[in-house]
Amino acid sequence: MKKPIENPTPGGKIFPLEIPADLEIVYSNIVRITHSPSELVLDFAHILPGSNKAQVQSRIIMSPLSAKLLHRALGENLAKYETNFGGIKIPGGSSLADYLFQKPPKPKE
């Protein structure tokens, strides 16, 4: 069994997270976020270039507080990542998905 991951909580307590040996790991390159007054729903999906459908791999439902803490933790970890590996450039254009999954240019005749 893998070593538990230490997880700080809003109250400052740390609880170990156990990762099951048979945990399915999924890759996601797109996420759709929707919300109600009491929760945020994150649908993580995978889409292949040239495809017009994304298959949802996992759905995570969080309270607004948990989502806010995730937002903060992501910001902190991205800052650490960029300190170690350099800045992450976000392409221009209408959206990241449009940039990643644009149709290839037509060959010149």
N, C-alpha and C. Protein backbone atom coordinates (compact mmCIF):
# COMPACT_ATOMS: atom_id res chain seq x y z
N MET A 1 0.84 -1.18 0.00
CA MET A 1 0.00 0.00 0.00
C MET A 1 0.89 1.25 0.00
N LYS A 2 0.42 2.27 -0.74
CA LYS A 2 1.19 3.51 -0.84
C LYS A 2 1.10 4.30 0.45
N LYS A 3 2.11 5.15 0.66
CA LYS A 3 2.14 6.02 1.83
C LYS A 3 0.98 7.00 1.76
N PRO A 4 0.25 7.21 2.86
CA PRO A 4 -0.85 8.18 2.85
C PRO A 4 -0.36 9.58 2.53
N ILE A 5 -1.19 10.35 1.83
CA ILE A 5 -0.89 11.74 1.48
C ILE A 5 -1.46 12.62 2.59
N GLU A 6 -0.66 13.56 3.06
CA GLU A 6 -1.14 14.48 4.08
C GLU A 6 -2.03 15.54 3.44
N ASN A 7 -3.19 15.79 4.02
CA ASN A 7 -4.19 16.67 3.44
C ASN A 7 -4.65 17.70 4.47
N PRO A 8 -4.22 18.97 4.33
CA PRO A 8 -4.70 19.99 5.28
C PRO A 8 -6.17 20.31 5.02
N THR A 9 -6.92 20.49 6.07
CA THR A 9 -8.33 20.81 5.98
C THR A 9 -8.55 22.25 6.42
N PRO A 10 -9.76 22.82 6.19
CA PRO A 10 -10.00 24.21 6.57
C PRO A 10 -9.70 24.51 8.03
N GLY A 11 -9.91 23.56 8.93
CA GLY A 11 -9.64 23.79 10.34
C GLY A 11 -8.17 23.65 10.70
N GLY A 12 -7.33 23.35 9.72
CA GLY A 12 -5.91 23.21 9.97
C GLY A 12 -5.50 21.80 10.37
N LYS A 13 -6.47 20.91 10.55
CA LYS A 13 -6.15 19.53 10.89
C LYS A 13 -5.64 18.81 9.65
N ILE A 14 -4.82 17.83 9.88
CA ILE A 14 -4.29 17.05 8.76
C ILE A 14 -4.76 15.61 8.92
N PHE A 15 -5.39 15.10 7.86
CA PHE A 15 -5.85 13.73 7.84
C PHE A 15 -5.15 13.00 6.71
N PRO A 16 -4.72 11.78 6.95
CA PRO A 16 -4.08 11.03 5.85
C PRO A 16 -5.13 10.61 4.82
N LEU A 17 -4.76 10.68 3.55
CA LEU A 17 -5.60 10.19 2.47
C LEU A 17 -5.04 8.85 2.02
N GLU A 18 -5.87 7.84 2.03
CA GLU A 18 -5.42 6.53 1.55
C GLU A 18 -5.84 6.37 0.10
N ILE A 19 -4.90 5.98 -0.73
CA ILE A 19 -5.18 5.77 -2.15
C ILE A 19 -5.27 4.28 -2.38
N PRO A 20 -6.46 3.78 -2.74
CA PRO A 20 -6.60 2.34 -2.97
C PRO A 20 -5.70 1.86 -4.11
N ALA A 21 -5.17 0.67 -3.97
CA ALA A 21 -4.29 0.11 -4.99
C ALA A 21 -5.01 -0.05 -6.32
N ASP A 22 -6.33 -0.28 -6.29
CA ASP A 22 -7.08 -0.51 -7.53
C ASP A 22 -7.79 0.75 -8.03
N LEU A 23 -7.39 1.92 -7.54
CA LEU A 23 -8.00 3.18 -7.96
C LEU A 23 -7.81 3.37 -9.46
N GLU A 24 -8.89 3.64 -10.18
CA GLU A 24 -8.78 3.88 -11.62
C GLU A 24 -8.29 5.31 -11.85
N ILE A 25 -7.25 5.43 -12.63
CA ILE A 25 -6.69 6.74 -12.96
C ILE A 25 -7.19 7.11 -14.34
N VAL A 26 -7.74 8.32 -14.47
CA VAL A 26 -8.25 8.77 -15.76
C VAL A 26 -7.54 10.06 -16.17
N TYR A 27 -7.44 10.26 -17.47
CA TYR A 27 -6.84 11.47 -18.02
C TYR A 27 -7.97 12.38 -18.47
N SER A 28 -7.85 13.66 -18.17
CA SER A 28 -8.85 14.63 -18.58
C SER A 28 -8.15 15.82 -19.22
N ASN A 29 -8.69 16.29 -20.35
CA ASN A 29 -8.13 17.49 -20.96
C ASN A 29 -9.21 18.56 -21.15
N ILE A 30 -10.36 18.32 -20.54
CA ILE A 30 -11.44 19.31 -20.59
C ILE A 30 -12.32 19.10 -19.35
N VAL A 31 -12.83 20.18 -18.81
CA VAL A 31 -13.75 20.08 -17.68
C VAL A 31 -14.91 21.05 -17.90
N ARG A 32 -16.11 20.58 -17.64
CA ARG A 32 -17.30 21.45 -17.69
C ARG A 32 -17.72 21.69 -16.25
N ILE A 33 -17.93 22.95 -15.91
CA ILE A 33 -18.29 23.30 -14.54
C ILE A 33 -19.68 23.94 -14.55
N THR A 34 -20.56 23.38 -13.76
CA THR A 34 -21.89 23.95 -13.58
C THR A 34 -22.11 24.10 -12.07
N HIS A 35 -23.15 24.85 -11.70
CA HIS A 35 -23.36 25.05 -10.27
C HIS A 35 -24.81 25.35 -9.96
N SER A 36 -25.16 25.12 -8.72
CA SER A 36 -26.42 25.52 -8.13
C SER A 36 -26.06 26.40 -6.93
N PRO A 37 -27.02 26.91 -6.21
CA PRO A 37 -26.66 27.72 -5.03
C PRO A 37 -25.88 26.93 -3.97
N SER A 38 -26.01 25.60 -3.96
CA SER A 38 -25.40 24.83 -2.88
C SER A 38 -24.24 23.93 -3.29
N GLU A 39 -23.96 23.82 -4.61
CA GLU A 39 -22.87 22.93 -5.01
C GLU A 39 -22.32 23.29 -6.38
N LEU A 40 -21.09 22.87 -6.62
CA LEU A 40 -20.46 22.98 -7.94
C LEU A 40 -20.26 21.57 -8.47
N VAL A 41 -20.53 21.39 -9.75
CA VAL A 41 -20.39 20.08 -10.39
C VAL A 41 -19.30 20.21 -11.44
N LEU A 42 -18.28 19.37 -11.33
CA LEU A 42 -17.18 19.36 -12.28
C LEU A 42 -17.22 18.05 -13.04
N ASP A 43 -17.45 18.12 -14.34
CA ASP A 43 -17.45 16.94 -15.20
C ASP A 43 -16.13 16.92 -15.96
N PHE A 44 -15.26 15.99 -15.61
CA PHE A 44 -13.95 15.85 -16.25
C PHE A 44 -14.10 14.91 -17.44
N ALA A 45 -13.61 15.34 -18.60
CA ALA A 45 -13.79 14.57 -19.82
C ALA A 45 -12.49 14.50 -20.60
N HIS A 46 -12.52 13.66 -21.60
CA HIS A 46 -11.38 13.47 -22.49
C HIS A 46 -11.90 13.58 -23.91
N ILE A 47 -11.28 14.45 -24.69
CA ILE A 47 -11.67 14.61 -26.09
C ILE A 47 -10.42 14.47 -26.96
N LEU A 48 -10.57 13.77 -28.05
CA LEU A 48 -9.46 13.58 -28.98
C LEU A 48 -9.52 14.64 -30.07
N PRO A 49 -8.37 15.10 -30.56
CA PRO A 49 -8.37 16.07 -31.66
C PRO A 49 -9.17 15.52 -32.85
N GLY A 50 -9.98 16.37 -33.46
CA GLY A 50 -10.79 15.98 -34.60
C GLY A 50 -12.12 15.36 -34.21
N SER A 51 -12.32 15.10 -32.94
CA SER A 51 -13.57 14.51 -32.47
C SER A 51 -14.54 15.63 -32.11
N ASN A 52 -15.83 15.34 -32.19
CA ASN A 52 -16.81 16.35 -31.80
C ASN A 52 -17.56 15.94 -30.53
N LYS A 53 -17.09 14.87 -29.87
CA LYS A 53 -17.71 14.43 -28.62
C LYS A 53 -16.63 14.19 -27.57
N ALA A 54 -16.95 14.58 -26.35
CA ALA A 54 -16.05 14.32 -25.23
C ALA A 54 -16.75 13.33 -24.30
N GLN A 55 -16.02 12.32 -23.88
CA GLN A 55 -16.55 11.31 -22.97
C GLN A 55 -16.24 11.72 -21.53
N VAL A 56 -17.29 11.92 -20.71
CA VAL A 56 -17.07 12.26 -19.31
C VAL A 56 -16.48 11.04 -18.61
N GLN A 57 -15.36 11.26 -17.93
CA GLN A 57 -14.65 10.19 -17.24
C GLN A 57 -14.97 10.18 -15.74
N SER A 58 -15.26 11.36 -15.19
CA SER A 58 -15.48 11.46 -13.76
C SER A 58 -16.31 12.70 -13.46
N ARG A 59 -17.20 12.60 -12.49
CA ARG A 59 -17.98 13.76 -12.04
C ARG A 59 -17.67 13.97 -10.56
N ILE A 60 -17.30 15.21 -10.23
CA ILE A 60 -16.99 15.58 -8.85
C ILE A 60 -17.97 16.67 -8.45
N ILE A 61 -18.63 16.48 -7.31
CA ILE A 61 -19.56 17.46 -6.78
C ILE A 61 -18.96 18.01 -5.49
N MET A 62 -18.87 19.33 -5.41
CA MET A 62 -18.23 19.98 -4.27
C MET A 62 -19.11 21.08 -3.70
N SER A 63 -18.94 21.34 -2.41
CA SER A 63 -19.59 22.50 -1.82
C SER A 63 -18.86 23.76 -2.31
N PRO A 64 -19.51 24.92 -2.27
CA PRO A 64 -18.81 26.15 -2.67
C PRO A 64 -17.54 26.39 -1.85
N LEU A 65 -17.55 26.08 -0.56
CA LEU A 65 -16.35 26.25 0.26
C LEU A 65 -15.23 25.33 -0.22
N SER A 66 -15.55 24.07 -0.46
CA SER A 66 -14.52 23.14 -0.94
C SER A 66 -13.98 23.58 -2.29
N ALA A 67 -14.85 24.07 -3.16
CA ALA A 67 -14.41 24.54 -4.48
C ALA A 67 -13.49 25.76 -4.33
N LYS A 68 -13.82 26.66 -3.41
CA LYS A 68 -12.99 27.84 -3.17
C LYS A 68 -11.61 27.43 -2.65
N LEU A 69 -11.58 26.45 -1.76
CA LEU A 69 -10.30 25.96 -1.24
C LEU A 69 -9.50 25.24 -2.34
N LEU A 70 -10.18 24.51 -3.21
CA LEU A 70 -9.51 23.88 -4.35
C LEU A 70 -8.91 24.95 -5.26
N HIS A 71 -9.68 26.01 -5.52
CA HIS A 71 -9.20 27.12 -6.34
C HIS A 71 -7.91 27.70 -5.77
N ARG A 72 -7.91 27.91 -4.46
CA ARG A 72 -6.71 28.46 -3.80
C ARG A 72 -5.54 27.48 -3.90
N ALA A 73 -5.81 26.19 -3.64
CA ALA A 73 -4.75 25.18 -3.70
C ALA A 73 -4.19 25.04 -5.10
N LEU A 74 -5.04 25.10 -6.12
CA LEU A 74 -4.56 25.03 -7.51
C LEU A 74 -3.67 26.23 -7.82
N GLY A 75 -4.09 27.41 -7.40
CA GLY A 75 -3.27 28.61 -7.64
C GLY A 75 -1.90 28.50 -6.99
N GLU A 76 -1.88 28.04 -5.74
CA GLU A 76 -0.61 27.88 -5.04
C GLU A 76 0.28 26.85 -5.73
N ASN A 77 -0.30 25.73 -6.14
CA ASN A 77 0.49 24.67 -6.76
C ASN A 77 0.94 25.04 -8.16
N LEU A 78 0.12 25.78 -8.91
CA LEU A 78 0.56 26.24 -10.23
C LEU A 78 1.71 27.24 -10.10
N ALA A 79 1.65 28.09 -9.08
CA ALA A 79 2.76 29.03 -8.85
C ALA A 79 4.04 28.27 -8.54
N LYS A 80 3.97 27.24 -7.71
CA LYS A 80 5.15 26.42 -7.40
C LYS A 80 5.66 25.73 -8.67
N TYR A 81 4.74 25.21 -9.48
CA TYR A 81 5.11 24.53 -10.72
C TYR A 81 5.88 25.49 -11.63
N GLU A 82 5.33 26.71 -11.80
CA GLU A 82 5.97 27.68 -12.68
C GLU A 82 7.32 28.14 -12.13
N THR A 83 7.47 28.19 -10.83
CA THR A 83 8.76 28.52 -10.23
C THR A 83 9.80 27.46 -10.60
N ASN A 84 9.38 26.21 -10.58
CA ASN A 84 10.30 25.11 -10.88
C ASN A 84 10.53 24.88 -12.37
N PHE A 85 9.49 25.04 -13.19
CA PHE A 85 9.57 24.62 -14.59
C PHE A 85 9.34 25.74 -15.60
N GLY A 86 9.09 26.94 -15.16
CA GLY A 86 8.84 28.05 -16.07
C GLY A 86 7.35 28.30 -16.26
N GLY A 87 7.06 29.47 -16.81
CA GLY A 87 5.68 29.90 -16.98
C GLY A 87 4.90 29.02 -17.93
N ILE A 88 3.62 28.91 -17.67
CA ILE A 88 2.70 28.18 -18.54
C ILE A 88 2.04 29.20 -19.44
N LYS A 89 2.26 29.07 -20.73
CA LYS A 89 1.70 30.03 -21.69
C LYS A 89 0.30 29.57 -22.11
N ILE A 90 -0.65 30.47 -22.00
CA ILE A 90 -2.00 30.18 -22.44
C ILE A 90 -2.17 30.79 -23.82
N PRO A 91 -2.52 29.96 -24.81
CA PRO A 91 -2.66 30.49 -26.17
C PRO A 91 -3.82 31.48 -26.27
N GLY A 92 -3.69 32.41 -27.21
CA GLY A 92 -4.76 33.37 -27.45
C GLY A 92 -5.90 32.72 -28.21
N GLY A 93 -6.85 33.51 -28.62
CA GLY A 93 -7.98 32.98 -29.37
C GLY A 93 -9.22 32.92 -28.52
N SER A 94 -10.27 32.33 -29.09
CA SER A 94 -11.56 32.35 -28.41
C SER A 94 -11.60 31.43 -27.19
N SER A 95 -10.91 30.28 -27.25
CA SER A 95 -10.86 29.40 -26.10
C SER A 95 -9.70 28.43 -26.24
N LEU A 96 -9.29 27.87 -25.12
CA LEU A 96 -8.21 26.90 -25.14
C LEU A 96 -8.63 25.68 -25.96
N ALA A 97 -9.88 25.24 -25.84
CA ALA A 97 -10.35 24.09 -26.61
C ALA A 97 -10.27 24.37 -28.11
N ASP A 98 -10.63 25.59 -28.53
CA ASP A 98 -10.52 25.94 -29.95
C ASP A 98 -9.07 25.84 -30.42
N TYR A 99 -8.14 26.24 -29.55
CA TYR A 99 -6.73 26.18 -29.92
C TYR A 99 -6.25 24.73 -29.99
N LEU A 100 -6.59 23.93 -28.99
CA LEU A 100 -6.11 22.55 -28.93
C LEU A 100 -6.72 21.66 -30.00
N PHE A 101 -7.98 21.91 -30.36
CA PHE A 101 -8.68 20.98 -31.24
C PHE A 101 -9.12 21.62 -32.54
N GLN A 102 -8.33 22.55 -33.01
CA GLN A 102 -8.63 23.18 -34.30
C GLN A 102 -8.38 22.20 -35.43
N LYS A 103 -9.09 22.40 -36.51
CA LYS A 103 -8.89 21.55 -37.68
C LYS A 103 -7.53 21.85 -38.28
N PRO A 104 -6.84 20.81 -38.76
CA PRO A 104 -5.52 21.05 -39.37
C PRO A 104 -5.67 21.91 -40.61
N PRO A 105 -4.64 22.71 -40.92
CA PRO A 105 -4.73 23.56 -42.11
C PRO A 105 -4.79 22.71 -43.38
N LYS A 106 -5.50 23.23 -44.37
CA LYS A 106 -5.59 22.53 -45.65
C LYS A 106 -4.25 22.60 -46.36
N PRO A 107 -3.83 21.50 -46.98
CA PRO A 107 -2.56 21.53 -47.70
C PRO A 107 -2.62 22.48 -48.90
N LYS A 108 -1.50 23.15 -49.15
CA LYS A 108 -1.43 24.06 -50.29
C LYS A 108 -1.34 23.24 -51.57
N GLU A 109 -2.03 23.72 -52.56
CA GLU A 109 -2.03 23.00 -53.86
C GLU A 109 -0.88 23.39 -54.72
